[in-house]
Structures are given as structure tokens and as C-alpha cells.
Amino acid sequence: AVQGRFTISRDSRKNTAYLQMNILKPEDTAVYHCAYKNSRLILSELR
């Protein structure tokens, strides 16, 4: 639903992640939560 409109990035110096949301649609309305894991999840675990 967000492919091509949203990007995810990180600033390691600030220990901050970003979600850039472009071309927003009314159906994007929601409470957004960030989540963090202190290791690398495997691909199948990300969702």
C-alpha cells in the first residue's frame, strides 16, 4: 500500500530512524508506531 510513496532511512549518529511519507492518501490516516530490534531480523520476520 505504500510502496513507491514511502521511504525508510536512518541516521546512525543520531540513532534515529525516519519514515518519509509522500503522496499521502486519506487511507494512510492512522497512528504510526516505530519499532526497534537490537539485532538484524531475517527478511521473513520484518513484517
All heavy atoms as atom14 arrays in JSON, in Angstrom:
{
  "sequence": "AVQGRFTISRDSRKNTAYLQMNILKPEDTAVYHCAYKNSRLILSELR",
  "atom14_mask": [
    [1, 1, 1, 1, 1, 0, 0, 0, 0, 0, 0, 0, 0, 0],
    [1, 1, 1, 1, 1, 1, 1, 0, 0, 0, 0, 0, 0, 0],
    [1, 1, 1, 1, 1, 1, 1, 1, 1, 0, 0, 0, 0, 0],
    [1, 1, 1, 1, 0, 0, 0, 0, 0, 0, 0, 0, 0, 0],
    [1, 1, 1, 1, 1, 1, 1, 1, 1, 1, 1, 0, 0, 0],
    [1, 1, 1, 1, 1, 1, 1, 1, 1, 1, 1, 0, 0, 0],
    [1, 1, 1, 1, 1, 1, 1, 0, 0, 0, 0, 0, 0, 0],
    [1, 1, 1, 1, 1, 1, 1, 1, 0, 0, 0, 0, 0, 0],
    [1, 1, 1, 1, 1, 1, 0, 0, 0, 0, 0, 0, 0, 0],
    [1, 1, 1, 1, 1, 1, 1, 1, 1, 1, 1, 0, 0, 0],
    [1, 1, 1, 1, 1, 1, 1, 1, 0, 0, 0, 0, 0, 0],
    [1, 1, 1, 1, 1, 1, 0, 0, 0, 0, 0, 0, 0, 0],
    [1, 1, 1, 1, 1, 1, 1, 1, 1, 1, 1, 0, 0, 0],
    [1, 1, 1, 1, 1, 1, 1, 1, 1, 0, 0, 0, 0, 0],
    [1, 1, 1, 1, 1, 1, 1, 1, 0, 0, 0, 0, 0, 0],
    [1, 1, 1, 1, 1, 1, 1, 0, 0, 0, 0, 0, 0, 0],
    [1, 1, 1, 1, 1, 0, 0, 0, 0, 0, 0, 0, 0, 0],
    [1, 1, 1, 1, 1, 1, 1, 1, 1, 1, 1, 1, 0, 0],
    [1, 1, 1, 1, 1, 1, 1, 1, 0, 0, 0, 0, 0, 0],
    [1, 1, 1, 1, 1, 1, 1, 1, 1, 0, 0, 0, 0, 0],
    [1, 1, 1, 1, 1, 1, 1, 1, 0, 0, 0, 0, 0, 0],
    [1, 1, 1, 1, 1, 1, 1, 1, 0, 0, 0, 0, 0, 0],
    [1, 1, 1, 1, 1, 1, 1, 1, 0, 0, 0, 0, 0, 0],
    [1, 1, 1, 1, 1, 1, 1, 1, 0, 0, 0, 0, 0, 0],
    [1, 1, 1, 1, 1, 1, 1, 1, 1, 0, 0, 0, 0, 0],
    [1, 1, 1, 1, 1, 1, 1, 0, 0, 0, 0, 0, 0, 0],
    [1, 1, 1, 1, 1, 1, 1, 1, 1, 0, 0, 0, 0, 0],
    [1, 1, 1, 1, 1, 1, 1, 1, 0, 0, 0, 0, 0, 0],
    [1, 1, 1, 1, 1, 1, 1, 0, 0, 0, 0, 0, 0, 0],
    [1, 1, 1, 1, 1, 0, 0, 0, 0, 0, 0, 0, 0, 0],
    [1, 1, 1, 1, 1, 1, 1, 0, 0, 0, 0, 0, 0, 0],
    [1, 1, 1, 1, 1, 1, 1, 1, 1, 1, 1, 1, 0, 0],
    [1, 1, 1, 1, 1, 1, 1, 1, 1, 1, 0, 0, 0, 0],
    [1, 1, 1, 1, 1, 1, 0, 0, 0, 0, 0, 0, 0, 0],
    [1, 1, 1, 1, 1, 0, 0, 0, 0, 0, 0, 0, 0, 0],
    [1, 1, 1, 1, 1, 1, 1, 1, 1, 1, 1, 1, 0, 0],
    [1, 1, 1, 1, 1, 1, 1, 1, 1, 0, 0, 0, 0, 0],
    [1, 1, 1, 1, 1, 1, 1, 1, 0, 0, 0, 0, 0, 0],
    [1, 1, 1, 1, 1, 1, 0, 0, 0, 0, 0, 0, 0, 0],
    [1, 1, 1, 1, 1, 1, 1, 1, 1, 1, 1, 0, 0, 0],
    [1, 1, 1, 1, 1, 1, 1, 1, 0, 0, 0, 0, 0, 0],
    [1, 1, 1, 1, 1, 1, 1, 1, 0, 0, 0, 0, 0, 0],
    [1, 1, 1, 1, 1, 1, 1, 1, 0, 0, 0, 0, 0, 0],
    [1, 1, 1, 1, 1, 1, 0, 0, 0, 0, 0, 0, 0, 0],
    [1, 1, 1, 1, 1, 1, 1, 1, 1, 0, 0, 0, 0, 0],
    [1, 1, 1, 1, 1, 1, 1, 1, 0, 0, 0, 0, 0, 0],
    [1, 1, 1, 1, 1, 1, 1, 1, 1, 1, 1, 0, 0, 0]
  ],
  "atom14_positions": [
    [[0.81, -1.22, 0.0], [0.0, 0.0, 0.0], [0.84, 1.27, 0.0], [0.35, 2.35, -0.37], [-0.93, 0.0, 1.21], [0.0, 0.0, 0.0], [0.0, 0.0, 0.0], [0.0, 0.0, 0.0], [0.0, 0.0, 0.0], [0.0, 0.0, 0.0], [0.0, 0.0, 0.0], [0.0, 0.0, 0.0], [0.0, 0.0, 0.0], [0.0, 0.0, 0.0]],
    [[2.1, 1.17, 0.4], [2.94, 2.38, 0.49], [4.15, 2.32, -0.43], [4.9, 3.29, -0.54], [3.41, 2.62, 1.94], [2.22, 2.63, 2.89], [4.44, 1.61, 2.38], [0.0, 0.0, 0.0], [0.0, 0.0, 0.0], [0.0, 0.0, 0.0], [0.0, 0.0, 0.0], [0.0, 0.0, 0.0], [0.0, 0.0, 0.0], [0.0, 0.0, 0.0]],
    [[4.33, 1.19, -1.09], [5.47, 1.03, -1.99], [5.51, 2.16, -3.01], [4.49, 2.48, -3.64], [5.36, -0.32, -2.71], [6.5, -0.62, -3.66], [7.77, -1.02, -2.95], [7.75, -1.87, -2.07], [8.87, -0.42, -3.34], [0.0, 0.0, 0.0], [0.0, 0.0, 0.0], [0.0, 0.0, 0.0], [0.0, 0.0, 0.0], [0.0, 0.0, 0.0]],
    [[6.67, 2.76, -3.17], [6.81, 3.85, -4.13], [6.47, 5.22, -3.58], [6.77, 6.23, -4.22], [0.0, 0.0, 0.0], [0.0, 0.0, 0.0], [0.0, 0.0, 0.0], [0.0, 0.0, 0.0], [0.0, 0.0, 0.0], [0.0, 0.0, 0.0], [0.0, 0.0, 0.0], [0.0, 0.0, 0.0], [0.0, 0.0, 0.0], [0.0, 0.0, 0.0]],
    [[5.83, 5.27, -2.42], [5.47, 6.56, -1.82], [6.23, 6.83, -0.53], [6.49, 7.99, -0.19], [3.96, 6.59, -1.52], [3.08, 6.42, -2.74], [1.61, 6.66, -2.39], [1.09, 5.66, -1.45], [0.55, 5.96, -0.27], [0.47, 7.21, 0.13], [0.07, 4.99, 0.51], [0.0, 0.0, 0.0], [0.0, 0.0, 0.0], [0.0, 0.0, 0.0]],
    [[6.58, 5.8, 0.21], [7.27, 5.93, 1.49], [8.69, 5.44, 1.37], [9.0, 4.53, 0.59], [6.56, 5.1, 2.57], [5.21, 5.59, 3.0], [4.52, 6.56, 2.3], [4.62, 5.06, 4.14], [3.26, 7.0, 2.7], [3.37, 5.48, 4.55], [2.69, 6.45, 3.83], [0.0, 0.0, 0.0], [0.0, 0.0, 0.0], [0.0, 0.0, 0.0]],
    [[9.57, 6.05, 2.15], [10.93, 5.56, 2.27], [11.31, 5.48, 3.75], [10.76, 6.23, 4.57], [11.94, 6.44, 1.53], [11.88, 7.77, 2.06], [11.67, 6.47, 0.04], [0.0, 0.0, 0.0], [0.0, 0.0, 0.0], [0.0, 0.0, 0.0], [0.0, 0.0, 0.0], [0.0, 0.0, 0.0], [0.0, 0.0, 0.0], [0.0, 0.0, 0.0]],
    [[12.23, 4.6, 4.06], [12.72, 4.45, 5.43], [14.22, 4.67, 5.4], [14.92, 4.19, 4.5], [12.35, 3.06, 6.01], [12.82, 2.94, 7.45], [12.87, 1.94, 5.14], [12.31, 1.67, 8.16], [0.0, 0.0, 0.0], [0.0, 0.0, 0.0], [0.0, 0.0, 0.0], [0.0, 0.0, 0.0], [0.0, 0.0, 0.0], [0.0, 0.0, 0.0]],
    [[14.7, 5.42, 6.39], [16.13, 5.71, 6.46], [16.54, 5.8, 7.92], [15.71, 5.74, 8.83], [16.45, 7.01, 5.73], [15.76, 8.1, 6.32], [0.0, 0.0, 0.0], [0.0, 0.0, 0.0], [0.0, 0.0, 0.0], [0.0, 0.0, 0.0], [0.0, 0.0, 0.0], [0.0, 0.0, 0.0], [0.0, 0.0, 0.0], [0.0, 0.0, 0.0]],
    [[17.85, 5.94, 8.1], [18.37, 6.02, 9.46], [19.57, 6.94, 9.48], [20.37, 6.96, 8.54], [18.8, 4.62, 9.93], [19.33, 4.59, 11.37], [20.04, 3.29, 11.68], [21.33, 3.21, 11.02], [22.33, 2.44, 11.42], [22.17, 1.68, 12.51], [23.46, 2.39, 10.76], [0.0, 0.0, 0.0], [0.0, 0.0, 0.0], [0.0, 0.0, 0.0]],
    [[19.68, 7.7, 10.56], [20.88, 8.48, 10.85], [21.56, 7.82, 12.04], [21.08, 7.94, 13.17], [20.51, 9.94, 11.16], [21.73, 10.82, 11.35], [22.8, 10.31, 11.74], [21.61, 12.03, 11.13], [0.0, 0.0, 0.0], [0.0, 0.0, 0.0], [0.0, 0.0, 0.0], [0.0, 0.0, 0.0], [0.0, 0.0, 0.0], [0.0, 0.0, 0.0]],
    [[22.64, 7.11, 11.78], [23.28, 6.35, 12.84], [23.87, 7.25, 13.92], [23.93, 6.88, 15.09], [24.36, 5.43, 12.26], [25.34, 6.2, 11.61], [0.0, 0.0, 0.0], [0.0, 0.0, 0.0], [0.0, 0.0, 0.0], [0.0, 0.0, 0.0], [0.0, 0.0, 0.0], [0.0, 0.0, 0.0], [0.0, 0.0, 0.0], [0.0, 0.0, 0.0]],
    [[24.3, 8.45, 13.53], [24.9, 9.35, 14.51], [23.87, 9.82, 15.53], [24.19, 10.07, 16.68], [25.53, 10.56, 13.82], [26.69, 10.21, 12.88], [27.05, 11.4, 12.03], [25.9, 11.81, 11.21], [25.88, 12.9, 10.47], [26.95, 13.71, 10.44], [24.83, 13.19, 9.75], [0.0, 0.0, 0.0], [0.0, 0.0, 0.0], [0.0, 0.0, 0.0]],
    [[22.63, 9.93, 15.07], [21.55, 10.39, 15.95], [20.75, 9.22, 16.5], [19.82, 9.42, 17.29], [20.62, 11.34, 15.19], [21.3, 12.61, 14.72], [20.31, 13.51, 13.99], [20.97, 14.79, 13.52], [20.02, 15.68, 12.8], [0.0, 0.0, 0.0], [0.0, 0.0, 0.0], [0.0, 0.0, 0.0], [0.0, 0.0, 0.0], [0.0, 0.0, 0.0]],
    [[21.07, 8.02, 16.07], [20.3, 6.83, 16.45], [18.81, 7.04, 16.19], [17.96, 6.73, 17.03], [20.54, 6.47, 17.91], [20.8, 4.99, 18.11], [20.87, 4.22, 17.15], [20.92, 4.58, 19.36], [0.0, 0.0, 0.0], [0.0, 0.0, 0.0], [0.0, 0.0, 0.0], [0.0, 0.0, 0.0], [0.0, 0.0, 0.0], [0.0, 0.0, 0.0]],
    [[18.55, 7.57, 15.03], [17.19, 7.95, 14.66], [16.81, 7.34, 13.33], [17.61, 7.37, 12.38], [17.07, 9.48, 14.57], [17.33, 10.04, 15.87], [15.68, 9.9, 14.12], [0.0, 0.0, 0.0], [0.0, 0.0, 0.0], [0.0, 0.0, 0.0], [0.0, 0.0, 0.0], [0.0, 0.0, 0.0], [0.0, 0.0, 0.0], [0.0, 0.0, 0.0]],
    [[15.6, 6.8, 13.27], [15.05, 6.3, 12.02], [13.97, 7.27, 11.54], [13.33, 7.95, 12.35], [14.46, 4.92, 12.22], [0.0, 0.0, 0.0], [0.0, 0.0, 0.0], [0.0, 0.0, 0.0], [0.0, 0.0, 0.0], [0.0, 0.0, 0.0], [0.0, 0.0, 0.0], [0.0, 0.0, 0.0], [0.0, 0.0, 0.0], [0.0, 0.0, 0.0]],
    [[13.79, 7.28, 10.24], [12.82, 8.19, 9.62], [11.91, 7.42, 8.69], [12.31, 6.44, 8.05], [13.54, 9.27, 8.81], [14.53, 10.08, 9.61], [15.88, 9.76, 9.61], [14.11, 11.17, 10.37], [16.79, 10.5, 10.35], [15.01, 11.92, 11.11], [16.35, 11.58, 11.1], [17.24, 12.31, 11.84], [0.0, 0.0, 0.0], [0.0, 0.0, 0.0]],
    [[10.68, 7.89, 8.63], [9.74, 7.4, 7.63], [9.28, 8.61, 6.84], [8.54, 9.45, 7.36], [8.54, 6.69, 8.27], [7.55, 6.08, 7.28], [8.19, 4.88, 6.57], [6.26, 5.64, 7.98], [0.0, 0.0, 0.0], [0.0, 0.0, 0.0], [0.0, 0.0, 0.0], [0.0, 0.0, 0.0], [0.0, 0.0, 0.0], [0.0, 0.0, 0.0]],
    [[9.76, 8.71, 5.63], [9.35, 9.78, 4.74], [8.12, 9.33, 3.97], [8.17, 8.3, 3.28], [10.46, 10.15, 3.76], [10.1, 11.23, 2.76], [9.87, 12.58, 3.4], [10.64, 13.0, 4.25], [8.81, 13.27, 2.99], [0.0, 0.0, 0.0], [0.0, 0.0, 0.0], [0.0, 0.0, 0.0], [0.0, 0.0, 0.0], [0.0, 0.0, 0.0]],
    [[7.04, 10.07, 4.12], [5.77, 9.68, 3.51], [5.38, 10.74, 2.5], [5.16, 11.9, 2.85], [4.7, 9.55, 4.59], [5.08, 8.6, 5.73], [3.77, 8.36, 6.94], [3.69, 10.01, 7.64], [0.0, 0.0, 0.0], [0.0, 0.0, 0.0], [0.0, 0.0, 0.0], [0.0, 0.0, 0.0], [0.0, 0.0, 0.0], [0.0, 0.0, 0.0]],
    [[5.31, 10.34, 1.26], [4.94, 11.24, 0.17], [3.63, 10.79, -0.47], [3.21, 9.65, -0.32], [6.05, 11.26, -0.88], [7.37, 11.76, -0.33], [7.41, 12.63, 0.53], [8.46, 11.18, -0.81], [0.0, 0.0, 0.0], [0.0, 0.0, 0.0], [0.0, 0.0, 0.0], [0.0, 0.0, 0.0], [0.0, 0.0, 0.0], [0.0, 0.0, 0.0]],
    [[3.04, 11.71, -1.2], [1.78, 11.44, -1.91], [0.8, 10.77, -0.96], [0.21, 9.71, -1.24], [2.0, 10.57, -3.17], [3.24, 11.02, -3.93], [0.77, 10.67, -4.08], [3.61, 10.15, -5.11], [0.0, 0.0, 0.0], [0.0, 0.0, 0.0], [0.0, 0.0, 0.0], [0.0, 0.0, 0.0], [0.0, 0.0, 0.0], [0.0, 0.0, 0.0]],
    [[0.61, 11.38, 0.18], [-0.24, 10.79, 1.2], [-1.7, 10.75, 0.74], [-2.18, 11.62, 0.01], [-0.13, 11.58, 2.5], [1.15, 11.26, 3.29], [1.46, 12.36, 4.29], [1.03, 9.92, 3.98], [0.0, 0.0, 0.0], [0.0, 0.0, 0.0], [0.0, 0.0, 0.0], [0.0, 0.0, 0.0], [0.0, 0.0, 0.0], [0.0, 0.0, 0.0]],
    [[-2.37, 9.7, 1.2], [-3.77, 9.46, 0.85], [-4.6, 9.4, 2.12], [-4.07, 9.07, 3.19], [-3.9, 8.12, 0.11], [-3.03, 8.0, -1.13], [-3.15, 6.6, -1.71], [-2.27, 6.45, -2.95], [-2.37, 5.08, -3.54], [0.0, 0.0, 0.0], [0.0, 0.0, 0.0], [0.0, 0.0, 0.0], [0.0, 0.0, 0.0], [0.0, 0.0, 0.0]],
    [[-5.88, 9.67, 2.04], [-6.72, 9.57, 3.24], [-6.63, 8.21, 3.92], [-6.7, 8.13, 5.15], [-8.13, 9.84, 2.7], [-7.9, 10.74, 1.52], [-6.62, 10.24, 0.9], [0.0, 0.0, 0.0], [0.0, 0.0, 0.0], [0.0, 0.0, 0.0], [0.0, 0.0, 0.0], [0.0, 0.0, 0.0], [0.0, 0.0, 0.0], [0.0, 0.0, 0.0]],
    [[-6.43, 7.17, 3.15], [-6.33, 5.83, 3.74], [-5.02, 5.59, 4.5], [-4.85, 4.56, 5.14], [-6.51, 4.74, 2.68], [-5.64, 4.9, 1.45], [-6.37, 5.6, 0.32], [-7.08, 6.61, 0.56], [-6.2, 5.15, -0.85], [0.0, 0.0, 0.0], [0.0, 0.0, 0.0], [0.0, 0.0, 0.0], [0.0, 0.0, 0.0], [0.0, 0.0, 0.0]],
    [[-4.11, 6.55, 4.44], [-2.89, 6.48, 5.25], [-3.12, 6.98, 6.67], [-2.23, 6.89, 7.51], [-1.77, 7.3, 4.61], [-1.31, 6.73, 3.28], [-1.18, 5.5, 3.17], [-1.07, 7.54, 2.35], [0.0, 0.0, 0.0], [0.0, 0.0, 0.0], [0.0, 0.0, 0.0], [0.0, 0.0, 0.0], [0.0, 0.0, 0.0], [0.0, 0.0, 0.0]],
    [[-4.3, 7.52, 6.92], [-4.61, 8.04, 8.25], [-4.56, 6.92, 9.28], [-5.22, 5.88, 9.12], [-6.01, 8.68, 8.26], [-5.99, 9.83, 7.4], [-6.41, 9.09, 9.66], [0.0, 0.0, 0.0], [0.0, 0.0, 0.0], [0.0, 0.0, 0.0], [0.0, 0.0, 0.0], [0.0, 0.0, 0.0], [0.0, 0.0, 0.0], [0.0, 0.0, 0.0]],
    [[-3.75, 7.12, 10.31], [-3.55, 6.1, 11.34], [-2.62, 6.65, 12.4], [-2.02, 7.71, 12.24], [-2.95, 4.84, 10.73], [0.0, 0.0, 0.0], [0.0, 0.0, 0.0], [0.0, 0.0, 0.0], [0.0, 0.0, 0.0], [0.0, 0.0, 0.0], [0.0, 0.0, 0.0], [0.0, 0.0, 0.0], [0.0, 0.0, 0.0], [0.0, 0.0, 0.0]],
    [[-2.5, 5.9, 13.48], [-1.43, 6.13, 14.44], [-0.24, 5.3, 13.98], [-0.37, 4.08, 13.79], [-1.84, 5.75, 15.87], [-0.66, 5.92, 16.82], [-3.02, 6.61, 16.33], [0.0, 0.0, 0.0], [0.0, 0.0, 0.0], [0.0, 0.0, 0.0], [0.0, 0.0, 0.0], [0.0, 0.0, 0.0], [0.0, 0.0, 0.0], [0.0, 0.0, 0.0]],
    [[0.87, 5.96, 13.82], [2.08, 5.3, 13.34], [3.01, 5.03, 14.52], [3.28, 5.93, 15.34], [2.8, 6.15, 12.31], [2.12, 6.11, 10.96], [0.88, 6.72, 10.77], [2.7, 5.45, 9.88], [0.24, 6.68, 9.54], [2.08, 5.41, 8.65], [0.84, 6.02, 8.49], [0.21, 5.97, 7.26], [0.0, 0.0, 0.0], [0.0, 0.0, 0.0]],
    [[3.51, 3.81, 14.57], [4.44, 3.41, 15.62], [5.75, 2.95, 15.01], [5.74, 2.19, 14.03], [3.88, 2.24, 16.44], [2.66, 2.56, 17.22], [2.7, 3.0, 18.54], [1.35, 2.51, 16.89], [1.48, 3.19, 18.97], [0.63, 2.91, 17.99], [0.0, 0.0, 0.0], [0.0, 0.0, 0.0], [0.0, 0.0, 0.0], [0.0, 0.0, 0.0]],
    [[6.85, 3.39, 15.61], [8.12, 2.81, 15.22], [8.4, 1.62, 16.13], [7.92, 1.56, 17.27], [9.25, 3.82, 15.29], [9.59, 4.49, 16.92], [0.0, 0.0, 0.0], [0.0, 0.0, 0.0], [0.0, 0.0, 0.0], [0.0, 0.0, 0.0], [0.0, 0.0, 0.0], [0.0, 0.0, 0.0], [0.0, 0.0, 0.0], [0.0, 0.0, 0.0]],
    [[9.18, 0.7, 15.61], [9.56, -0.49, 16.36], [11.04, -0.74, 16.13], [11.58, -0.4, 15.07], [8.74, -1.69, 15.89], [0.0, 0.0, 0.0], [0.0, 0.0, 0.0], [0.0, 0.0, 0.0], [0.0, 0.0, 0.0], [0.0, 0.0, 0.0], [0.0, 0.0, 0.0], [0.0, 0.0, 0.0], [0.0, 0.0, 0.0], [0.0, 0.0, 0.0]],
    [[11.68, -1.35, 17.11], [13.14, -1.49, 17.06], [13.54, -2.84, 17.64], [12.95, -3.33, 18.6], [13.78, -0.37, 17.87], [15.28, -0.49, 18.02], [16.12, -0.03, 17.02], [15.84, -1.08, 19.15], [17.49, -0.15, 17.14], [17.21, -1.2, 19.28], [18.03, -0.72, 18.28], [19.4, -0.85, 18.39], [0.0, 0.0, 0.0], [0.0, 0.0, 0.0]],
    [[14.55, -3.4, 17.0], [15.13, -4.65, 17.49], [16.63, -4.46, 17.55], [17.23, -3.93, 16.6], [14.8, -5.8, 16.54], [15.38, -7.14, 16.92], [14.62, -7.76, 18.06], [15.1, -9.17, 18.31], [14.4, -9.81, 19.46], [0.0, 0.0, 0.0], [0.0, 0.0, 0.0], [0.0, 0.0, 0.0], [0.0, 0.0, 0.0], [0.0, 0.0, 0.0]],
    [[17.23, -4.91, 18.65], [18.67, -4.73, 18.85], [19.48, -5.82, 18.15], [20.48, -6.3, 18.68], [18.99, -4.75, 20.35], [19.57, -3.44, 20.82], [19.98, -2.59, 20.03], [19.61, -3.25, 22.13], [0.0, 0.0, 0.0], [0.0, 0.0, 0.0], [0.0, 0.0, 0.0], [0.0, 0.0, 0.0], [0.0, 0.0, 0.0], [0.0, 0.0, 0.0]],
    [[19.06, -6.19, 16.96], [19.77, -7.15, 16.13], [19.13, -7.11, 14.75], [18.13, -6.42, 14.53], [19.67, -8.56, 16.72], [18.32, -8.99, 16.75], [0.0, 0.0, 0.0], [0.0, 0.0, 0.0], [0.0, 0.0, 0.0], [0.0, 0.0, 0.0], [0.0, 0.0, 0.0], [0.0, 0.0, 0.0], [0.0, 0.0, 0.0], [0.0, 0.0, 0.0]],
    [[19.69, -7.83, 13.82], [19.13, -7.89, 12.48], [18.12, -9.03, 12.41], [18.48, -10.19, 12.54], [20.23, -8.13, 11.45], [21.12, -6.94, 11.19], [22.29, -7.34, 10.31], [21.86, -7.93, 9.06], [21.64, -7.25, 7.95], [21.8, -5.94, 7.93], [21.28, -7.86, 6.84], [0.0, 0.0, 0.0], [0.0, 0.0, 0.0], [0.0, 0.0, 0.0]],
    [[16.88, -8.68, 12.19], [15.88, -9.71, 11.94], [16.1, -10.27, 10.54], [16.65, -9.6, 9.66], [14.47, -9.13, 12.03], [14.01, -8.68, 13.42], [12.67, -7.97, 13.32], [13.93, -9.84, 14.39], [0.0, 0.0, 0.0], [0.0, 0.0, 0.0], [0.0, 0.0, 0.0], [0.0, 0.0, 0.0], [0.0, 0.0, 0.0], [0.0, 0.0, 0.0]],
    [[15.66, -11.5, 10.33], [15.73, -12.03, 8.97], [14.54, -11.5, 8.18], [13.56, -11.01, 8.75], [15.77, -13.57, 8.96], [14.48, -14.15, 9.56], [17.0, -14.07, 9.71], [14.4, -15.67, 9.48], [0.0, 0.0, 0.0], [0.0, 0.0, 0.0], [0.0, 0.0, 0.0], [0.0, 0.0, 0.0], [0.0, 0.0, 0.0], [0.0, 0.0, 0.0]],
    [[14.64, -11.6, 6.89], [13.66, -10.98, 6.0], [12.24, -11.39, 6.34], [11.31, -10.57, 6.36], [14.01, -11.33, 4.56], [13.39, -10.48, 3.46], [13.81, -9.02, 3.62], [13.8, -10.99, 2.09], [0.0, 0.0, 0.0], [0.0, 0.0, 0.0], [0.0, 0.0, 0.0], [0.0, 0.0, 0.0], [0.0, 0.0, 0.0], [0.0, 0.0, 0.0]],
    [[12.05, -12.66, 6.63], [10.7, -13.17, 6.88], [10.12, -12.7, 8.2], [8.93, -12.88, 8.45], [10.71, -14.69, 6.83], [11.56, -15.21, 7.82], [0.0, 0.0, 0.0], [0.0, 0.0, 0.0], [0.0, 0.0, 0.0], [0.0, 0.0, 0.0], [0.0, 0.0, 0.0], [0.0, 0.0, 0.0], [0.0, 0.0, 0.0], [0.0, 0.0, 0.0]],
    [[10.95, -12.11, 9.04], [10.49, -11.66, 10.35], [10.09, -10.19, 10.37], [9.49, -9.72, 11.34], [11.6, -11.88, 11.39], [11.94, -13.34, 11.64], [13.12, -13.49, 12.58], [14.06, -12.65, 12.5], [13.13, -14.44, 13.36], [0.0, 0.0, 0.0], [0.0, 0.0, 0.0], [0.0, 0.0, 0.0], [0.0, 0.0, 0.0], [0.0, 0.0, 0.0]],
    [[10.43, -9.45, 9.33], [10.29, -8.0, 9.37], [8.85, -7.53, 9.49], [8.58, -6.49, 10.08], [10.92, -7.38, 8.13], [12.45, -7.48, 8.02], [12.91, -6.87, 6.7], [13.13, -6.81, 9.19], [0.0, 0.0, 0.0], [0.0, 0.0, 0.0], [0.0, 0.0, 0.0], [0.0, 0.0, 0.0], [0.0, 0.0, 0.0], [0.0, 0.0, 0.0]],
    [[7.92, -8.24, 8.93], [6.53, -7.76, 8.86], [5.72, -8.09, 10.1], [4.56, -7.66, 10.21], [5.84, -8.36, 7.63], [6.47, -7.92, 6.32], [5.85, -8.62, 5.13], [6.52, -8.26, 3.89], [6.11, -7.28, 3.08], [5.03, -6.6, 3.39], [6.77, -7.02, 1.97], [0.0, 0.0, 0.0], [0.0, 0.0, 0.0], [0.0, 0.0, 0.0]]
  ]
}
